[in-house]
């Protein structure tokens, strides 16, 4: 009657897709508010592990200008994580992506980025 069955890969894919949809919705709202997208790029995300550079996911960076303020969204999607400890550290694939999204802003006349909440944009 009871099962040790864990959620399938379909649920992991759905969670990742929902995170993508949330980012796209933010970008739709930003464009609707009149923002100009100045950068939208996706690059591999790497880390140094055991004296090697290993690809662990990807990073998407979106920059836009709204009301004379520059904004930057950085979204890291990691598919690997470090497990174990001491001499037994190793990389392992995660069942669902680890997603970190950061939003920063700076006035056009400044060089310093400051972390903000999405509510601060609108």
N, C-alpha and C. Protein backbone atom coordinates (compact mmCIF):
# COMPACT_ATOMS: atom_id res chain seq x y z
N UNK A 1 0.82 -1.18 0.00
CA UNK A 1 0.00 0.00 0.00
C UNK A 1 0.87 1.25 0.00
N UNK A 2 1.90 1.28 0.84
CA UNK A 2 2.81 2.43 0.85
C UNK A 2 3.97 2.13 -0.07
N UNK A 3 4.49 3.20 -0.62
CA UNK A 3 5.55 3.02 -1.59
C UNK A 3 6.70 3.98 -1.28
N UNK A 4 7.90 3.53 -1.58
CA UNK A 4 9.06 4.38 -1.45
C UNK A 4 9.33 5.10 -2.77
N UNK A 5 8.35 5.08 -3.64
CA UNK A 5 8.51 5.69 -4.96
C UNK A 5 8.72 7.20 -4.82
N UNK A 6 9.80 7.69 -5.39
CA UNK A 6 10.09 9.12 -5.38
C UNK A 6 9.47 9.75 -6.62
N UNK A 7 9.21 11.07 -6.56
CA UNK A 7 8.65 11.72 -7.74
C UNK A 7 9.54 11.48 -8.95
N UNK A 8 8.92 11.30 -10.08
CA UNK A 8 9.65 10.98 -11.29
C UNK A 8 10.35 12.16 -11.91
N UNK A 9 11.11 11.88 -12.92
CA UNK A 9 11.86 12.91 -13.64
C UNK A 9 10.90 13.94 -14.23
N UNK A 10 9.67 13.54 -14.52
CA UNK A 10 8.70 14.46 -15.08
C UNK A 10 8.44 15.63 -14.13
N UNK A 11 8.36 15.34 -12.82
CA UNK A 11 8.12 16.41 -11.85
C UNK A 11 9.33 17.33 -11.75
N UNK A 12 10.53 16.77 -11.83
CA UNK A 12 11.74 17.59 -11.81
C UNK A 12 11.77 18.51 -13.02
N UNK A 13 11.42 17.98 -14.19
CA UNK A 13 11.38 18.79 -15.41
C UNK A 13 10.31 19.87 -15.31
N UNK A 14 9.19 19.55 -14.67
CA UNK A 14 8.11 20.52 -14.50
C UNK A 14 8.55 21.66 -13.60
N UNK A 15 9.26 21.35 -12.53
CA UNK A 15 9.75 22.39 -11.62
C UNK A 15 10.72 23.32 -12.35
N UNK A 16 11.62 22.75 -13.14
CA UNK A 16 12.57 23.57 -13.90
C UNK A 16 11.84 24.42 -14.93
N UNK A 17 10.85 23.86 -15.58
CA UNK A 17 10.06 24.59 -16.56
C UNK A 17 9.30 25.74 -15.91
N UNK A 18 8.76 25.51 -14.72
CA UNK A 18 8.04 26.56 -13.99
C UNK A 18 8.97 27.71 -13.64
N UNK A 19 10.21 27.40 -13.27
CA UNK A 19 11.19 28.44 -12.97
C UNK A 19 11.50 29.25 -14.23
N UNK A 20 11.62 28.58 -15.37
CA UNK A 20 11.82 29.29 -16.65
C UNK A 20 10.64 30.20 -16.94
N UNK A 21 9.44 29.69 -16.72
CA UNK A 21 8.23 30.48 -16.97
C UNK A 21 8.18 31.72 -16.08
N UNK A 22 8.61 31.59 -14.81
CA UNK A 22 8.61 32.75 -13.90
C UNK A 22 9.56 33.83 -14.40
N UNK A 23 10.74 33.43 -14.87
CA UNK A 23 11.69 34.41 -15.40
C UNK A 23 11.12 35.07 -16.66
N UNK A 24 10.54 34.30 -17.55
CA UNK A 24 9.96 34.88 -18.77
C UNK A 24 8.82 35.83 -18.43
N UNK A 25 8.04 35.52 -17.40
CA UNK A 25 6.95 36.42 -16.98
C UNK A 25 7.52 37.74 -16.45
N UNK A 26 8.60 37.68 -15.69
CA UNK A 26 9.25 38.90 -15.21
C UNK A 26 9.71 39.73 -16.41
N UNK A 27 10.33 39.08 -17.39
CA UNK A 27 10.80 39.81 -18.57
C UNK A 27 9.64 40.42 -19.36
N UNK A 28 8.51 39.71 -19.44
CA UNK A 28 7.32 40.28 -20.12
C UNK A 28 6.84 41.53 -19.39
N UNK A 29 6.81 41.47 -18.06
CA UNK A 29 6.38 42.63 -17.26
C UNK A 29 7.33 43.80 -17.44
N UNK A 30 8.62 43.51 -17.48
CA UNK A 30 9.63 44.55 -17.65
C UNK A 30 9.46 45.23 -19.01
N UNK A 31 9.28 44.43 -20.06
CA UNK A 31 9.09 45.00 -21.40
C UNK A 31 7.80 45.82 -21.47
N UNK A 32 6.74 45.32 -20.82
CA UNK A 32 5.47 46.04 -20.82
C UNK A 32 5.59 47.38 -20.09
N UNK A 33 6.50 47.46 -19.13
CA UNK A 33 6.72 48.71 -18.39
C UNK A 33 7.57 49.69 -19.18
N UNK A 34 8.06 49.27 -20.36
CA UNK A 34 8.81 50.17 -21.22
C UNK A 34 10.32 50.02 -21.13
N UNK A 35 10.79 48.95 -20.54
CA UNK A 35 12.23 48.75 -20.41
C UNK A 35 12.86 48.37 -21.73
N UNK A 36 14.12 48.72 -21.87
CA UNK A 36 14.91 48.34 -23.03
C UNK A 36 15.88 47.24 -22.60
N UNK A 37 15.76 46.06 -23.20
CA UNK A 37 16.67 44.95 -22.91
C UNK A 37 17.98 45.23 -23.65
N UNK A 38 19.07 45.35 -22.89
CA UNK A 38 20.36 45.67 -23.50
C UNK A 38 21.27 44.46 -23.61
N UNK A 39 20.98 43.39 -22.87
CA UNK A 39 21.79 42.18 -22.91
C UNK A 39 20.92 41.00 -22.51
N UNK A 40 21.03 39.91 -23.24
CA UNK A 40 20.36 38.66 -22.88
C UNK A 40 21.25 37.54 -23.40
N UNK A 41 22.08 36.99 -22.51
CA UNK A 41 23.01 35.95 -22.95
C UNK A 41 22.99 34.76 -21.99
N UNK A 42 23.31 33.63 -22.56
CA UNK A 42 23.40 32.38 -21.81
C UNK A 42 24.79 31.80 -22.05
N UNK A 43 25.48 31.47 -20.95
CA UNK A 43 26.83 30.91 -21.04
C UNK A 43 26.92 29.70 -20.10
N UNK A 44 27.84 28.79 -20.38
CA UNK A 44 28.03 27.65 -19.47
C UNK A 44 28.53 28.13 -18.10
N UNK A 45 28.11 27.45 -17.06
CA UNK A 45 28.54 27.76 -15.70
C UNK A 45 29.59 26.73 -15.30
N UNK A 46 30.77 27.21 -14.91
CA UNK A 46 31.88 26.33 -14.58
C UNK A 46 32.30 26.51 -13.12
N UNK A 47 32.98 25.50 -12.59
CA UNK A 47 33.60 25.62 -11.28
C UNK A 47 34.91 24.84 -11.28
N UNK A 48 35.82 25.26 -10.42
CA UNK A 48 37.08 24.53 -10.25
C UNK A 48 36.83 23.40 -9.26
N UNK A 49 37.18 22.18 -9.67
CA UNK A 49 36.99 21.02 -8.79
C UNK A 49 38.14 20.05 -9.05
N UNK A 50 38.88 19.76 -8.00
CA UNK A 50 40.03 18.84 -8.10
C UNK A 50 40.99 19.26 -9.21
N UNK A 51 41.32 20.54 -9.23
CA UNK A 51 42.27 21.09 -10.21
C UNK A 51 41.79 20.97 -11.65
N UNK A 52 40.51 20.86 -11.85
CA UNK A 52 39.91 20.83 -13.18
C UNK A 52 38.77 21.84 -13.23
N UNK A 53 38.53 22.37 -14.41
CA UNK A 53 37.37 23.23 -14.61
C UNK A 53 36.26 22.34 -15.17
N UNK A 54 35.13 22.30 -14.45
CA UNK A 54 34.03 21.41 -14.78
C UNK A 54 32.77 22.22 -15.05
N UNK A 55 32.07 21.90 -16.12
CA UNK A 55 30.79 22.56 -16.41
C UNK A 55 29.72 21.93 -15.53
N UNK A 56 29.02 22.79 -14.76
CA UNK A 56 28.00 22.28 -13.83
C UNK A 56 26.60 22.80 -14.15
N UNK A 57 26.47 23.59 -15.20
CA UNK A 57 25.15 24.12 -15.54
C UNK A 57 25.29 25.28 -16.51
N UNK A 58 24.36 26.25 -16.40
CA UNK A 58 24.47 27.43 -17.24
C UNK A 58 24.03 28.68 -16.50
N UNK A 59 24.44 29.82 -17.03
CA UNK A 59 24.12 31.12 -16.44
C UNK A 59 23.47 31.97 -17.53
N UNK A 60 22.35 32.58 -17.18
CA UNK A 60 21.70 33.52 -18.09
C UNK A 60 21.75 34.89 -17.43
N UNK A 61 22.23 35.86 -18.19
CA UNK A 61 22.31 37.23 -17.70
C UNK A 61 21.45 38.11 -18.60
N UNK A 62 20.54 38.84 -17.97
CA UNK A 62 19.67 39.77 -18.69
C UNK A 62 19.86 41.14 -18.06
N UNK A 63 20.18 42.13 -18.88
CA UNK A 63 20.31 43.51 -18.41
C UNK A 63 19.29 44.36 -19.14
N UNK A 64 18.70 45.30 -18.40
CA UNK A 64 17.73 46.20 -19.01
C UNK A 64 17.77 47.54 -18.30
N UNK A 65 17.26 48.56 -18.98
CA UNK A 65 17.22 49.90 -18.42
C UNK A 65 15.76 50.32 -18.32
N UNK A 66 15.39 50.80 -17.14
CA UNK A 66 14.02 51.25 -16.90
C UNK A 66 14.09 52.50 -16.02
N UNK A 67 13.52 53.59 -16.50
CA UNK A 67 13.49 54.85 -15.74
C UNK A 67 14.88 55.30 -15.31
N UNK A 68 15.83 55.27 -16.22
CA UNK A 68 17.20 55.73 -15.98
C UNK A 68 17.94 54.92 -14.91
N UNK A 69 17.52 53.69 -14.75
CA UNK A 69 18.19 52.77 -13.82
C UNK A 69 18.49 51.48 -14.56
N UNK A 70 19.73 51.02 -14.44
CA UNK A 70 20.11 49.74 -15.04
C UNK A 70 19.79 48.61 -14.07
N UNK A 71 19.24 47.53 -14.62
CA UNK A 71 18.92 46.34 -13.83
C UNK A 71 19.63 45.15 -14.46
N UNK A 72 19.95 44.18 -13.62
CA UNK A 72 20.61 42.97 -14.09
C UNK A 72 20.00 41.77 -13.36
N UNK A 73 19.57 40.79 -14.15
CA UNK A 73 19.08 39.52 -13.60
C UNK A 73 20.11 38.46 -13.96
N UNK A 74 20.60 37.77 -12.94
CA UNK A 74 21.54 36.67 -13.16
C UNK A 74 20.87 35.40 -12.65
N UNK A 75 20.72 34.45 -13.54
CA UNK A 75 20.06 33.18 -13.19
C UNK A 75 21.01 32.03 -13.44
N UNK A 76 21.43 31.37 -12.36
CA UNK A 76 22.30 30.20 -12.44
C UNK A 76 21.48 28.94 -12.29
N UNK A 77 21.67 28.01 -13.21
CA UNK A 77 21.01 26.70 -13.15
C UNK A 77 22.12 25.67 -13.04
N UNK A 78 22.21 25.03 -11.86
CA UNK A 78 23.25 24.03 -11.62
C UNK A 78 22.64 22.63 -11.67
N UNK A 79 23.30 21.75 -12.43
CA UNK A 79 22.86 20.37 -12.57
C UNK A 79 23.76 19.39 -11.81
N UNK A 80 24.81 19.94 -11.20
CA UNK A 80 25.75 19.13 -10.44
C UNK A 80 25.98 19.80 -9.09
N UNK A 81 26.37 19.00 -8.10
CA UNK A 81 26.73 19.56 -6.80
C UNK A 81 27.88 18.76 -6.22
N UNK A 82 28.57 19.39 -5.28
CA UNK A 82 29.67 18.72 -4.60
C UNK A 82 29.08 17.92 -3.44
N UNK A 83 29.45 16.66 -3.36
CA UNK A 83 28.96 15.79 -2.29
C UNK A 83 30.16 15.16 -1.59
N UNK A 84 29.92 14.62 -0.42
CA UNK A 84 30.99 13.98 0.33
C UNK A 84 31.79 15.03 1.09
N UNK A 85 32.83 14.58 1.73
CA UNK A 85 33.64 15.50 2.50
C UNK A 85 35.09 15.09 2.50
N UNK A 86 35.92 16.01 2.89
CA UNK A 86 37.35 15.78 3.02
C UNK A 86 37.94 15.17 1.75
N UNK A 87 38.49 13.99 1.85
CA UNK A 87 39.14 13.35 0.69
C UNK A 87 38.15 12.60 -0.20
N UNK A 88 36.89 12.53 0.21
CA UNK A 88 35.91 11.78 -0.58
C UNK A 88 34.94 12.70 -1.33
N UNK A 89 35.34 13.95 -1.52
CA UNK A 89 34.49 14.87 -2.27
C UNK A 89 34.36 14.40 -3.70
N UNK A 90 33.17 14.55 -4.23
CA UNK A 90 32.93 14.20 -5.62
C UNK A 90 31.75 15.02 -6.15
N UNK A 91 31.65 15.12 -7.45
CA UNK A 91 30.51 15.78 -8.08
C UNK A 91 29.45 14.76 -8.37
N UNK A 92 28.20 15.14 -8.11
CA UNK A 92 27.11 14.25 -8.46
C UNK A 92 25.99 15.05 -9.11
N UNK A 93 25.29 14.40 -10.01
CA UNK A 93 24.15 15.02 -10.67
C UNK A 93 23.01 15.16 -9.66
N UNK A 94 22.28 16.24 -9.76
CA UNK A 94 21.13 16.44 -8.87
C UNK A 94 19.87 16.01 -9.61
N UNK A 95 18.86 15.59 -8.84
CA UNK A 95 17.64 15.09 -9.46
C UNK A 95 16.85 16.21 -10.13
N UNK A 96 16.89 17.40 -9.56
CA UNK A 96 16.28 18.56 -10.22
C UNK A 96 17.24 19.74 -10.10
N UNK A 97 17.26 20.61 -11.08
CA UNK A 97 18.24 21.70 -11.12
C UNK A 97 18.16 22.60 -9.89
N UNK A 98 19.30 23.08 -9.46
CA UNK A 98 19.38 24.08 -8.40
C UNK A 98 19.41 25.43 -9.11
N UNK A 99 18.40 26.25 -8.84
CA UNK A 99 18.26 27.51 -9.57
C UNK A 99 18.39 28.67 -8.60
N UNK A 100 19.33 29.56 -8.88
CA UNK A 100 19.53 30.79 -8.11
C UNK A 100 19.31 31.97 -9.04
N UNK A 101 18.43 32.88 -8.62
CA UNK A 101 18.17 34.07 -9.42
C UNK A 101 18.45 35.30 -8.56
N UNK A 102 19.23 36.22 -9.11
CA UNK A 102 19.57 37.44 -8.40
C UNK A 102 19.19 38.63 -9.26
N UNK A 103 18.66 39.66 -8.62
CA UNK A 103 18.31 40.90 -9.29
C UNK A 103 19.11 42.03 -8.66
N UNK A 104 19.78 42.81 -9.51
CA UNK A 104 20.58 43.94 -9.04
C UNK A 104 20.20 45.18 -9.82
N UNK A 105 20.47 46.34 -9.21
CA UNK A 105 20.21 47.60 -9.92
C UNK A 105 21.35 48.57 -9.64
N UNK A 106 21.46 49.56 -10.52
CA UNK A 106 22.39 50.67 -10.31
C UNK A 106 21.91 51.85 -11.14
N UNK A 107 22.10 53.05 -10.61
CA UNK A 107 21.78 54.23 -11.42
C UNK A 107 22.72 54.27 -12.62
N UNK A 108 22.27 54.89 -13.70
CA UNK A 108 23.09 54.97 -14.91
C UNK A 108 24.44 55.63 -14.67
N UNK A 109 24.50 56.50 -13.67
CA UNK A 109 25.73 57.25 -13.40
C UNK A 109 26.65 56.55 -12.40
N UNK A 110 26.32 55.34 -12.00
CA UNK A 110 27.09 54.63 -10.98
C UNK A 110 27.71 53.37 -11.57
N UNK A 111 28.70 52.83 -10.87
CA UNK A 111 29.31 51.55 -11.25
C UNK A 111 29.01 50.46 -10.23
N UNK A 112 28.26 50.79 -9.18
CA UNK A 112 28.02 49.84 -8.10
C UNK A 112 26.63 49.23 -8.21
N UNK A 113 26.60 47.88 -8.29
CA UNK A 113 25.35 47.14 -8.33
C UNK A 113 24.88 46.89 -6.90
N UNK A 114 23.56 46.97 -6.69
CA UNK A 114 22.95 46.72 -5.39
C UNK A 114 21.84 45.69 -5.57
N UNK A 115 21.82 44.67 -4.73
CA UNK A 115 20.77 43.64 -4.79
C UNK A 115 19.43 44.22 -4.39
N UNK A 116 18.37 43.85 -5.13
CA UNK A 116 17.02 44.35 -4.85
C UNK A 116 16.00 43.22 -5.02
N UNK A 117 14.78 43.48 -4.56
CA UNK A 117 13.66 42.58 -4.78
C UNK A 117 12.94 42.99 -6.05
N UNK A 118 12.22 42.05 -6.63
CA UNK A 118 11.52 42.34 -7.89
C UNK A 118 10.48 43.45 -7.72
N UNK A 119 9.92 43.59 -6.54
CA UNK A 119 8.93 44.65 -6.30
C UNK A 119 9.56 46.03 -6.46
N UNK A 120 10.88 46.14 -6.26
CA UNK A 120 11.57 47.43 -6.39
C UNK A 120 11.66 47.89 -7.84
N UNK A 121 11.45 46.97 -8.79
CA UNK A 121 11.51 47.33 -10.20
C UNK A 121 10.26 48.09 -10.60
N UNK A 122 9.13 47.64 -10.11
CA UNK A 122 7.86 48.23 -10.52
C UNK A 122 7.40 49.19 -9.48
